[in-house]
Amino acid sequence: MREQRESKGLLLRQVAAALEMDTALLSKFERDERNPNKEQVFTFAKYYNANPDELLLAWLSDKIANEVQNEDLASQALKEAGKKVELHKKKNKK
């Protein structure tokens, strides 16, 4: 997010004001000290005219990685989770 903001020559306080968000909170998002919620991800995408799917994918992958990063079986669990997601998608299509 910081790269998006700086590439447009915007100050942190300008973006925070435009998004009606606390400057300190936006700063924490930019420094990866806090994670935005899903609604905020879409707000950022709209404000920066960015692809919402790309930002949502980054948000989801960060959320998952943060949850499993210290687990020895993280990579294997992610593969299994991917299979389960596909299985649930197939069941929901019926």
PDB file of N, CA and C in Angstrom:
ATOM      1  N   MET A   1       0.817  -1.193   0.000  1.00  0.00           N
ATOM      2  CA  MET A   1       0.000   0.000   0.000  1.00  0.00           C
ATOM      3  C   MET A   1       0.857   1.251   0.000  1.00  0.00           C
ATOM      4  N   ARG A   2       1.953   1.179   0.711  1.00  0.00           N
ATOM      5  CA  ARG A   2       2.824   2.352   0.757  1.00  0.00           C
ATOM      6  C   ARG A   2       3.312   2.703  -0.647  1.00  0.00           C
ATOM      7  N   GLU A   3       3.673   1.679  -1.419  1.00  0.00           N
ATOM      8  CA  GLU A   3       4.153   1.923  -2.781  1.00  0.00           C
ATOM      9  C   GLU A   3       3.083   2.606  -3.624  1.00  0.00           C
ATOM     10  N   GLN A   4       1.837   2.144  -3.478  1.00  0.00           N
ATOM     11  CA  GLN A   4       0.725   2.767  -4.209  1.00  0.00           C
ATOM     12  C   GLN A   4       0.602   4.245  -3.843  1.00  0.00           C
ATOM     13  N   ARG A   5       0.636   4.514  -2.554  1.00  0.00           N
ATOM     14  CA  ARG A   5       0.478   5.885  -2.069  1.00  0.00           C
ATOM     15  C   ARG A   5       1.614   6.772  -2.545  1.00  0.00           C
ATOM     16  N   GLU A   6       2.848   6.293  -2.358  1.00  0.00           N
ATOM     17  CA  GLU A   6       4.007   7.103  -2.730  1.00  0.00           C
ATOM     18  C   GLU A   6       4.108   7.309  -4.237  1.00  0.00           C
ATOM     19  N   SER A   7       3.692   6.308  -5.009  1.00  0.00           N
ATOM     20  CA  SER A   7       3.747   6.454  -6.471  1.00  0.00           C
ATOM     21  C   SER A   7       2.806   7.551  -6.962  1.00  0.00           C
ATOM     22  N   LYS A   8       1.772   7.832  -6.177  1.00  0.00           N
ATOM     23  CA  LYS A   8       0.836   8.896  -6.528  1.00  0.00           C
ATOM     24  C   LYS A   8       1.194  10.223  -5.866  1.00  0.00           C
ATOM     25  N   GLY A   9       2.316  10.232  -5.107  1.00  0.00           N
ATOM     26  CA  GLY A   9       2.767  11.452  -4.456  1.00  0.00           C
ATOM     27  C   GLY A   9       1.871  11.908  -3.317  1.00  0.00           C
ATOM     28  N   LEU A  10       1.217  10.959  -2.682  1.00  0.00           N
ATOM     29  CA  LEU A  10       0.289  11.300  -1.607  1.00  0.00           C
ATOM     30  C   LEU A  10       0.932  11.107  -0.237  1.00  0.00           C
ATOM     31  N   LEU A  11       0.561  11.963   0.678  1.00  0.00           N
ATOM     32  CA  LEU A  11       1.015  11.832   2.056  1.00  0.00           C
ATOM     33  C   LEU A  11       0.089  10.874   2.799  1.00  0.00           C
ATOM     34  N   LEU A  12       0.626  10.253   3.812  1.00  0.00           N
ATOM     35  CA  LEU A  12      -0.139   9.315   4.623  1.00  0.00           C
ATOM     36  C   LEU A  12      -1.407   9.978   5.166  1.00  0.00           C
ATOM     37  N   ARG A  13      -1.272  11.188   5.667  1.00  0.00           N
ATOM     38  CA  ARG A  13      -2.425  11.874   6.255  1.00  0.00           C
ATOM     39  C   ARG A  13      -3.483  12.213   5.208  1.00  0.00           C
ATOM     40  N   GLN A  14      -3.065  12.440   3.963  1.00  0.00           N
ATOM     41  CA  GLN A  14      -4.026  12.722   2.901  1.00  0.00           C
ATOM     42  C   GLN A  14      -4.894  11.496   2.617  1.00  0.00           C
ATOM     43  N   VAL A  15      -4.244  10.354   2.514  1.00  0.00           N
ATOM     44  CA  VAL A  15      -4.970   9.114   2.233  1.00  0.00           C
ATOM     45  C   VAL A  15      -5.872   8.762   3.411  1.00  0.00           C
ATOM     46  N   ALA A  16      -5.336   8.872   4.610  1.00  0.00           N
ATOM     47  CA  ALA A  16      -6.130   8.572   5.808  1.00  0.00           C
ATOM     48  C   ALA A  16      -7.386   9.451   5.869  1.00  0.00           C
ATOM     49  N   ALA A  17      -7.229  10.713   5.575  1.00  0.00           N
ATOM     50  CA  ALA A  17      -8.378  11.626   5.598  1.00  0.00           C
ATOM     51  C   ALA A  17      -9.390  11.249   4.519  1.00  0.00           C
ATOM     52  N   ALA A  18      -8.913  10.935   3.336  1.00  0.00           N
ATOM     53  CA  ALA A  18      -9.811  10.569   2.234  1.00  0.00           C
ATOM     54  C   ALA A  18     -10.581   9.285   2.544  1.00  0.00           C
ATOM     55  N   LEU A  19      -9.949   8.381   3.267  1.00  0.00           N
ATOM     56  CA  LEU A  19     -10.584   7.104   3.609  1.00  0.00           C
ATOM     57  C   LEU A  19     -11.289   7.149   4.961  1.00  0.00           C
ATOM     58  N   GLU A  20     -11.255   8.326   5.599  1.00  0.00           N
ATOM     59  CA  GLU A  20     -11.846   8.499   6.923  1.00  0.00           C
ATOM     60  C   GLU A  20     -11.309   7.447   7.891  1.00  0.00           C
ATOM     61  N   MET A  21      -9.985   7.368   7.930  1.00  0.00           N
ATOM     62  CA  MET A  21      -9.285   6.382   8.732  1.00  0.00           C
ATOM     63  C   MET A  21      -8.217   7.083   9.561  1.00  0.00           C
ATOM     64  N   ASP A  22      -7.951   6.551  10.710  1.00  0.00           N
ATOM     65  CA  ASP A  22      -6.905   7.098  11.560  1.00  0.00           C
ATOM     66  C   ASP A  22      -5.545   6.944  10.872  1.00  0.00           C
ATOM     67  N   THR A  23      -4.752   7.993  10.876  1.00  0.00           N
ATOM     68  CA  THR A  23      -3.434   7.972  10.237  1.00  0.00           C
ATOM     69  C   THR A  23      -2.544   6.890  10.828  1.00  0.00           C
ATOM     70  N   ALA A  24      -2.581   6.729  12.138  1.00  0.00           N
ATOM     71  CA  ALA A  24      -1.751   5.710  12.790  1.00  0.00           C
ATOM     72  C   ALA A  24      -2.140   4.312  12.340  1.00  0.00           C
ATOM     73  N   LEU A  25      -3.437   4.072  12.166  1.00  0.00           N
ATOM     74  CA  LEU A  25      -3.899   2.759  11.716  1.00  0.00           C
ATOM     75  C   LEU A  25      -3.436   2.486  10.293  1.00  0.00           C
ATOM     76  N   LEU A  26      -3.567   3.463   9.421  1.00  0.00           N
ATOM     77  CA  LEU A  26      -3.114   3.304   8.043  1.00  0.00           C
ATOM     78  C   LEU A  26      -1.613   3.049   8.011  1.00  0.00           C
ATOM     79  N   SER A  27      -0.870   3.740   8.834  1.00  0.00           N
ATOM     80  CA  SER A  27       0.565   3.535   8.916  1.00  0.00           C
ATOM     81  C   SER A  27       0.897   2.103   9.338  1.00  0.00           C
ATOM     82  N   LYS A  28       0.141   1.577  10.288  1.00  0.00           N
ATOM     83  CA  LYS A  28       0.362   0.193  10.736  1.00  0.00           C
ATOM     84  C   LYS A  28       0.059  -0.797   9.618  1.00  0.00           C
ATOM     85  N   PHE A  29      -0.961  -0.529   8.820  1.00  0.00           N
ATOM     86  CA  PHE A  29      -1.245  -1.386   7.673  1.00  0.00           C
ATOM     87  C   PHE A  29      -0.065  -1.376   6.707  1.00  0.00           C
ATOM     88  N   GLU A  30       0.452  -0.195   6.430  1.00  0.00           N
ATOM     89  CA  GLU A  30       1.568  -0.071   5.488  1.00  0.00           C
ATOM     90  C   GLU A  30       2.836  -0.759   5.985  1.00  0.00           C
ATOM     91  N   ARG A  31       3.028  -0.782   7.292  1.00  0.00           N
ATOM     92  CA  ARG A  31       4.230  -1.403   7.864  1.00  0.00           C
ATOM     93  C   ARG A  31       4.015  -2.871   8.239  1.00  0.00           C
ATOM     94  N   ASP A  32       2.875  -3.411   7.865  1.00  0.00           N
ATOM     95  CA  ASP A  32       2.521  -4.804   8.177  1.00  0.00           C
ATOM     96  C   ASP A  32       2.508  -5.096   9.671  1.00  0.00           C
ATOM     97  N   GLU A  33       2.154  -4.097  10.452  1.00  0.00           N
ATOM     98  CA  GLU A  33       2.023  -4.287  11.891  1.00  0.00           C
ATOM     99  C   GLU A  33       0.593  -4.658  12.261  1.00  0.00           C
ATOM    100  N   ARG A  34      -0.315  -4.416  11.333  1.00  0.00           N
ATOM    101  CA  ARG A  34      -1.722  -4.765  11.506  1.00  0.00           C
ATOM    102  C   ARG A  34      -2.295  -5.134  10.161  1.00  0.00           C
ATOM    103  N   ASN A  35      -3.284  -5.986  10.157  1.00  0.00           N
ATOM    104  CA  ASN A  35      -3.907  -6.395   8.906  1.00  0.00           C
ATOM    105  C   ASN A  35      -5.280  -5.750   8.758  1.00  0.00           C
ATOM    106  N   PRO A  36      -5.567  -5.243   7.569  1.00  0.00           N
ATOM    107  CA  PRO A  36      -6.899  -4.676   7.345  1.00  0.00           C
ATOM    108  C   PRO A  36      -7.933  -5.795   7.290  1.00  0.00           C
ATOM    109  N   ASN A  37      -9.193  -5.429   7.454  1.00  0.00           N
ATOM    110  CA  ASN A  37     -10.245  -6.421   7.266  1.00  0.00           C
ATOM    111  C   ASN A  37     -10.633  -6.428   5.779  1.00  0.00           C
ATOM    112  N   LYS A  38     -11.494  -7.345   5.419  1.00  0.00           N
ATOM    113  CA  LYS A  38     -11.859  -7.524   4.010  1.00  0.00           C
ATOM    114  C   LYS A  38     -12.481  -6.256   3.418  1.00  0.00           C
ATOM    115  N   GLU A  39     -13.338  -5.617   4.173  1.00  0.00           N
ATOM    116  CA  GLU A  39     -13.979  -4.381   3.697  1.00  0.00           C
ATOM    117  C   GLU A  39     -12.927  -3.308   3.415  1.00  0.00           C
ATOM    118  N   GLN A  40     -11.943  -3.188   4.282  1.00  0.00           N
ATOM    119  CA  GLN A  40     -10.883  -2.197   4.088  1.00  0.00           C
ATOM    120  C   GLN A  40     -10.045  -2.518   2.845  1.00  0.00           C
ATOM    121  N   VAL A  41      -9.848  -3.795   2.564  1.00  0.00           N
ATOM    122  CA  VAL A  41      -9.103  -4.192   1.359  1.00  0.00           C
ATOM    123  C   VAL A  41      -9.826  -3.649   0.117  1.00  0.00           C
ATOM    124  N   PHE A  42     -11.143  -3.802   0.075  1.00  0.00           N
ATOM    125  CA  PHE A  42     -11.905  -3.291  -1.061  1.00  0.00           C
ATOM    126  C   PHE A  42     -11.888  -1.763  -1.111  1.00  0.00           C
ATOM    127  N   THR A  43     -11.878  -1.124   0.045  1.00  0.00           N
ATOM    128  CA  THR A  43     -11.787   0.334   0.105  1.00  0.00           C
ATOM    129  C   THR A  43     -10.459   0.801  -0.480  1.00  0.00           C
ATOM    130  N   PHE A  44      -9.372   0.126  -0.119  1.00  0.00           N
ATOM    131  CA  PHE A  44      -8.058   0.482  -0.657  1.00  0.00           C
ATOM    132  C   PHE A  44      -8.014   0.268  -2.169  1.00  0.00           C
ATOM    133  N   ALA A  45      -8.568  -0.841  -2.628  1.00  0.00           N
ATOM    134  CA  ALA A  45      -8.574  -1.129  -4.064  1.00  0.00           C
ATOM    135  C   ALA A  45      -9.295  -0.027  -4.835  1.00  0.00           C
ATOM    136  N   LYS A  46     -10.436   0.386  -4.309  1.00  0.00           N
ATOM    137  CA  LYS A  46     -11.197   1.444  -4.976  1.00  0.00           C
ATOM    138  C   LYS A  46     -10.431   2.764  -4.958  1.00  0.00           C
ATOM    139  N   TYR A  47      -9.876   3.111  -3.810  1.00  0.00           N
ATOM    140  CA  TYR A  47      -9.174   4.387  -3.677  1.00  0.00           C
ATOM    141  C   TYR A  47      -7.960   4.456  -4.599  1.00  0.00           C
ATOM    142  N   TYR A  48      -7.183   3.379  -4.640  1.00  0.00           N
ATOM    143  CA  TYR A  48      -5.959   3.364  -5.446  1.00  0.00           C
ATOM    144  C   TYR A  48      -6.203   2.905  -6.883  1.00  0.00           C
ATOM    145  N   ASN A  49      -7.471   2.640  -7.201  1.00  0.00           N
ATOM    146  CA  ASN A  49      -7.817   2.153  -8.534  1.00  0.00           C
ATOM    147  C   ASN A  49      -7.010   0.906  -8.875  1.00  0.00           C
ATOM    148  N   ALA A  50      -6.951  -0.001  -7.911  1.00  0.00           N
ATOM    149  CA  ALA A  50      -6.197  -1.245  -8.062  1.00  0.00           C
ATOM    150  C   ALA A  50      -7.177  -2.397  -8.289  1.00  0.00           C
ATOM    151  N   ASN A  51      -6.657  -3.484  -8.788  1.00  0.00           N
ATOM    152  CA  ASN A  51      -7.466  -4.675  -9.022  1.00  0.00           C
ATOM    153  C   ASN A  51      -7.875  -5.266  -7.670  1.00  0.00           C
ATOM    154  N   PRO A  52      -9.161  -5.281  -7.361  1.00  0.00           N
ATOM    155  CA  PRO A  52      -9.589  -5.796  -6.045  1.00  0.00           C
ATOM    156  C   PRO A  52      -9.249  -7.267  -5.851  1.00  0.00           C
ATOM    157  N   ASP A  53      -9.287  -8.050  -6.928  1.00  0.00           N
ATOM    158  CA  ASP A  53      -8.957  -9.478  -6.794  1.00  0.00           C
ATOM    159  C   ASP A  53      -7.497  -9.676  -6.394  1.00  0.00           C
ATOM    160  N   GLU A  54      -6.611  -8.868  -6.942  1.00  0.00           N
ATOM    161  CA  GLU A  54      -5.192  -8.975  -6.583  1.00  0.00           C
ATOM    162  C   GLU A  54      -4.968  -8.623  -5.119  1.00  0.00           C
ATOM    163  N   LEU A  55      -5.605  -7.545  -4.669  1.00  0.00           N
ATOM    164  CA  LEU A  55      -5.456  -7.152  -3.265  1.00  0.00           C
ATOM    165  C   LEU A  55      -6.103  -8.171  -2.333  1.00  0.00           C
ATOM    166  N   LEU A  56      -7.243  -8.703  -2.743  1.00  0.00           N
ATOM    167  CA  LEU A  56      -7.909  -9.706  -1.920  1.00  0.00           C
ATOM    168  C   LEU A  56      -7.069 -10.977  -1.838  1.00  0.00           C
ATOM    169  N   LEU A  57      -6.475 -11.370  -2.948  1.00  0.00           N
ATOM    170  CA  LEU A  57      -5.593 -12.543  -2.945  1.00  0.00           C
ATOM    171  C   LEU A  57      -4.404 -12.332  -2.018  1.00  0.00           C
ATOM    172  N   ALA A  58      -3.799 -11.170  -2.073  1.00  0.00           N
ATOM    173  CA  ALA A  58      -2.669 -10.862  -1.184  1.00  0.00           C
ATOM    174  C   ALA A  58      -3.117 -10.878   0.278  1.00  0.00           C
ATOM    175  N   TRP A  59      -4.301 -10.313   0.543  1.00  0.00           N
ATOM    176  CA  TRP A  59      -4.832 -10.273   1.908  1.00  0.00           C
ATOM    177  C   TRP A  59      -5.098 -11.678   2.438  1.00  0.00           C
ATOM    178  N   LEU A  60      -5.745 -12.507   1.612  1.00  0.00           N
ATOM    179  CA  LEU A  60      -6.043 -13.871   2.035  1.00  0.00           C
ATOM    180  C   LEU A  60      -4.777 -14.693   2.255  1.00  0.00           C
ATOM    181  N   SER A  61      -3.825 -14.568   1.340  1.00  0.00           N
ATOM    182  CA  SER A  61      -2.592 -15.347   1.484  1.00  0.00           C
ATOM    183  C   SER A  61      -1.806 -14.897   2.716  1.00  0.00           C
ATOM    184  N   ASP A  62      -1.801 -13.600   2.997  1.00  0.00           N
ATOM    185  CA  ASP A  62      -1.146 -13.114   4.222  1.00  0.00           C
ATOM    186  C   ASP A  62      -1.834 -13.668   5.462  1.00  0.00           C
ATOM    187  N   LYS A  63      -3.149 -13.660   5.434  1.00  0.00           N
ATOM    188  CA  LYS A  63      -3.922 -14.142   6.570  1.00  0.00           C
ATOM    189  C   LYS A  63      -3.622 -15.620   6.845  1.00  0.00           C
ATOM    190  N   ILE A  64      -3.592 -16.412   5.788  1.00  0.00           N
ATOM    191  CA  ILE A  64      -3.313 -17.839   5.933  1.00  0.00           C
ATOM    192  C   ILE A  64      -1.874 -18.068   6.370  1.00  0.00           C
ATOM    193  N   ALA A  65      -0.934 -17.378   5.723  1.00  0.00           N
ATOM    194  CA  ALA A  65       0.479 -17.551   6.056  1.00  0.00           C
ATOM    195  C   ALA A  65       0.756 -17.180   7.509  1.00  0.00           C
ATOM    196  N   ASN A  66       0.158 -16.113   7.975  1.00  0.00           N
ATOM    197  CA  ASN A  66       0.353 -15.697   9.369  1.00  0.00           C
ATOM    198  C   ASN A  66      -0.158 -16.752  10.343  1.00  0.00           C
ATOM    199  N   GLU A  67      -1.200 -17.441   9.952  1.00  0.00           N
ATOM    200  CA  GLU A  67      -1.796 -18.451  10.828  1.00  0.00           C
ATOM    201  C   GLU A  67      -0.933 -19.705  10.937  1.00  0.00           C
ATOM    202  N   VAL A  68      -0.285 -20.111   9.834  1.00  0.00           N
ATOM    203  CA  VAL A  68       0.412 -21.400   9.824  1.00  0.00           C
ATOM    204  C   VAL A  68       1.936 -21.300   9.778  1.00  0.00           C
ATOM    205  N   GLN A  69       2.476 -20.112   9.759  1.00  0.00           N
ATOM    206  CA  GLN A  69       3.906 -19.932   9.515  1.00  0.00           C
ATOM    207  C   GLN A  69       4.822 -20.666  10.489  1.00  0.00           C
ATOM    208  N   ASN A  70       4.391 -20.885  11.706  1.00  0.00           N
ATOM    209  CA  ASN A  70       5.256 -21.537  12.687  1.00  0.00           C
ATOM    210  C   ASN A  70       4.992 -23.036  12.836  1.00  0.00           C
ATOM    211  N   GLU A  71       4.179 -23.568  11.959  1.00  0.00           N
ATOM    212  CA  GLU A  71       3.847 -24.994  12.007  1.00  0.00           C
ATOM    213  C   GLU A  71       4.796 -25.792  11.121  1.00  0.00           C
ATOM    214  N   ASP A  72       5.275 -26.904  11.640  1.00  0.00           N
ATOM    215  CA  ASP A  72       6.188 -27.756  10.872  1.00  0.00           C
ATOM    216  C   ASP A  72       5.536 -28.332   9.622  1.00  0.00           C
ATOM    217  N   LEU A  73       4.260 -28.580   9.687  1.00  0.00           N
ATOM    218  CA  LEU A  73       3.543 -29.195   8.567  1.00  0.00           C
ATOM    219  C   LEU A  73       2.774 -28.173   7.731  1.00  0.00           C
ATOM    220  N   ALA A  74       3.173 -26.916   7.795  1.00  0.00           N
ATOM    221  CA  ALA A  74       2.426 -25.838   7.136  1.00  0.00           C
ATOM    222  C   ALA A  74       2.231 -26.081   5.643  1.00  0.00           C
ATOM    223  N   SER A  75       3.285 -26.391   4.928  1.00  0.00           N
ATOM    224  CA  SER A  75       3.175 -26.580   3.475  1.00  0.00           C
ATOM    225  C   SER A  75       2.238 -27.728   3.131  1.00  0.00           C
ATOM    226  N   GLN A  76       2.366 -28.814   3.862  1.00  0.00           N
ATOM    227  CA  GLN A  76       1.498 -29.965   3.608  1.00  0.00           C
ATOM    228  C   GLN A  76       0.043 -29.637   3.954  1.00  0.00           C
ATOM    229  N   ALA A  77      -0.144 -28.915   5.040  1.00  0.00           N
ATOM    230  CA  ALA A  77      -1.495 -28.531   5.441  1.00  0.00           C
ATOM    231  C   ALA A  77      -2.132 -27.615   4.401  1.00  0.00           C
ATOM    232  N   LEU A  78      -1.345 -26.734   3.821  1.00  0.00           N
ATOM    233  CA  LEU A  78      -1.877 -25.834   2.789  1.00  0.00           C
ATOM    234  C   LEU A  78      -2.314 -26.614   1.556  1.00  0.00           C
ATOM    235  N   LYS A  79      -1.551 -27.624   1.192  1.00  0.00           N
ATOM    236  CA  LYS A  79      -1.934 -28.463   0.047  1.00  0.00           C
ATOM    237  C   LYS A  79      -3.247 -29.181   0.337  1.00  0.00           C
ATOM    238  N   GLU A  80      -3.365 -29.724   1.527  1.00  0.00           N
ATOM    239  CA  GLU A  80      -4.603 -30.412   1.916  1.00  0.00           C
ATOM    240  C   GLU A  80      -5.780 -29.435   1.949  1.00  0.00           C
ATOM    241  N   ALA A  81      -5.531 -28.247   2.465  1.00  0.00           N
ATOM    242  CA  ALA A  81      -6.588 -27.239   2.516  1.00  0.00           C
ATOM    243  C   ALA A  81      -7.050 -26.878   1.108  1.00  0.00           C
ATOM    244  N   GLY A  82      -6.126 -26.776   0.185  1.00  0.00           N
ATOM    245  CA  GLY A  82      -6.476 -26.487  -1.207  1.00  0.00           C
ATOM    246  C   GLY A  82      -7.387 -27.555  -1.786  1.00  0.00           C
ATOM    247  N   LYS A  83      -7.101 -28.812  -1.488  1.00  0.00           N
ATOM    248  CA  LYS A  83      -7.944 -29.914  -1.951  1.00  0.00           C
ATOM    249  C   LYS A  83      -9.346 -29.801  -1.347  1.00  0.00           C
ATOM    250  N   LYS A  84      -9.397 -29.470  -0.062  1.00  0.00           N
ATOM    251  CA  LYS A  84     -10.689 -29.352   0.616  1.00  0.00           C
ATOM    252  C   LYS A  84     -11.513 -28.193   0.058  1.00  0.00           C
ATOM    253  N   VAL A  85     -10.858 -27.101  -0.266  1.00  0.00           N
ATOM    254  CA  VAL A  85     -11.562 -25.954  -0.851  1.00  0.00           C
ATOM    255  C   VAL A  85     -12.198 -26.363  -2.175  1.00  0.00           C
ATOM    256  N   GLU A  86     -11.435 -27.064  -3.003  1.00  0.00           N
ATOM    257  CA  GLU A  86     -11.968 -27.509  -4.294  1.00  0.00           C
ATOM    258  C   GLU A  86     -13.131 -28.478  -4.106  1.00  0.00           C
ATOM    259  N   LEU A  87     -13.026 -29.364  -3.138  1.00  0.00           N
ATOM    260  CA  LEU A  87     -14.095 -30.308  -2.847  1.00  0.00           C
ATOM    261  C   LEU A  87     -15.362 -29.572  -2.415  1.00  0.00           C
ATOM    262  N   HIS A  88     -15.217 -28.583  -1.552  1.00  0.00           N
ATOM    263  CA  HIS A  88     -16.376 -27.798  -1.100  1.00  0.00           C
ATOM    264  C   HIS A  88     -17.004 -27.027  -2.257  1.00  0.00           C
ATOM    265  N   LYS A  89     -16.180 -26.523  -3.164  1.00  0.00           N
ATOM    266  CA  LYS A  89     -16.714 -25.810  -4.333  1.00  0.00           C
ATOM    267  C   LYS A  89     -17.566 -26.737  -5.180  1.00  0.00           C
ATOM    268  N   LYS A  90     -17.076 -27.967  -5.390  1.00  0.00           N
ATOM    269  CA  LYS A  90     -17.818 -28.939  -6.186  1.00  0.00           C
ATOM    270  C   LYS A  90     -19.143 -29.293  -5.524  1.00  0.00           C
ATOM    271  N   LYS A  91     -19.124 -29.476  -4.214  1.00  0.00           N
ATOM    272  CA  LYS A  91     -20.350 -29.816  -3.490  1.00  0.00           C
ATOM    273  C   LYS A  91     -21.361 -28.677  -3.573  1.00  0.00           C
ATOM    274  N   ASN A  92     -20.882 -27.439  -3.498  1.00  0.00           N
ATOM    275  CA  ASN A  92     -21.782 -26.275  -3.515  1.00  0.00           C
ATOM    276  C   ASN A  92     -22.382 -26.019  -4.893  1.00  0.00           C
ATOM    277  N   LYS A  93     -21.746 -26.526  -5.947  1.00  0.00           N
ATOM    278  CA  LYS A  93     -22.275 -26.343  -7.301  1.00  0.00           C
ATOM    279  C   LYS A  93     -23.456 -27.243  -7.571  1.00  0.00           C
ATOM    280  N   LYS A  94     -23.564 -28.323  -6.816  1.00  0.00           N
ATOM    281  CA  LYS A  94     -24.647 -29.299  -7.052  1.00  0.00           C
ATOM    282  C   LYS A  94     -25.973 -28.816  -6.561  1.00  0.00           C
TER     283      LYS A  94
END
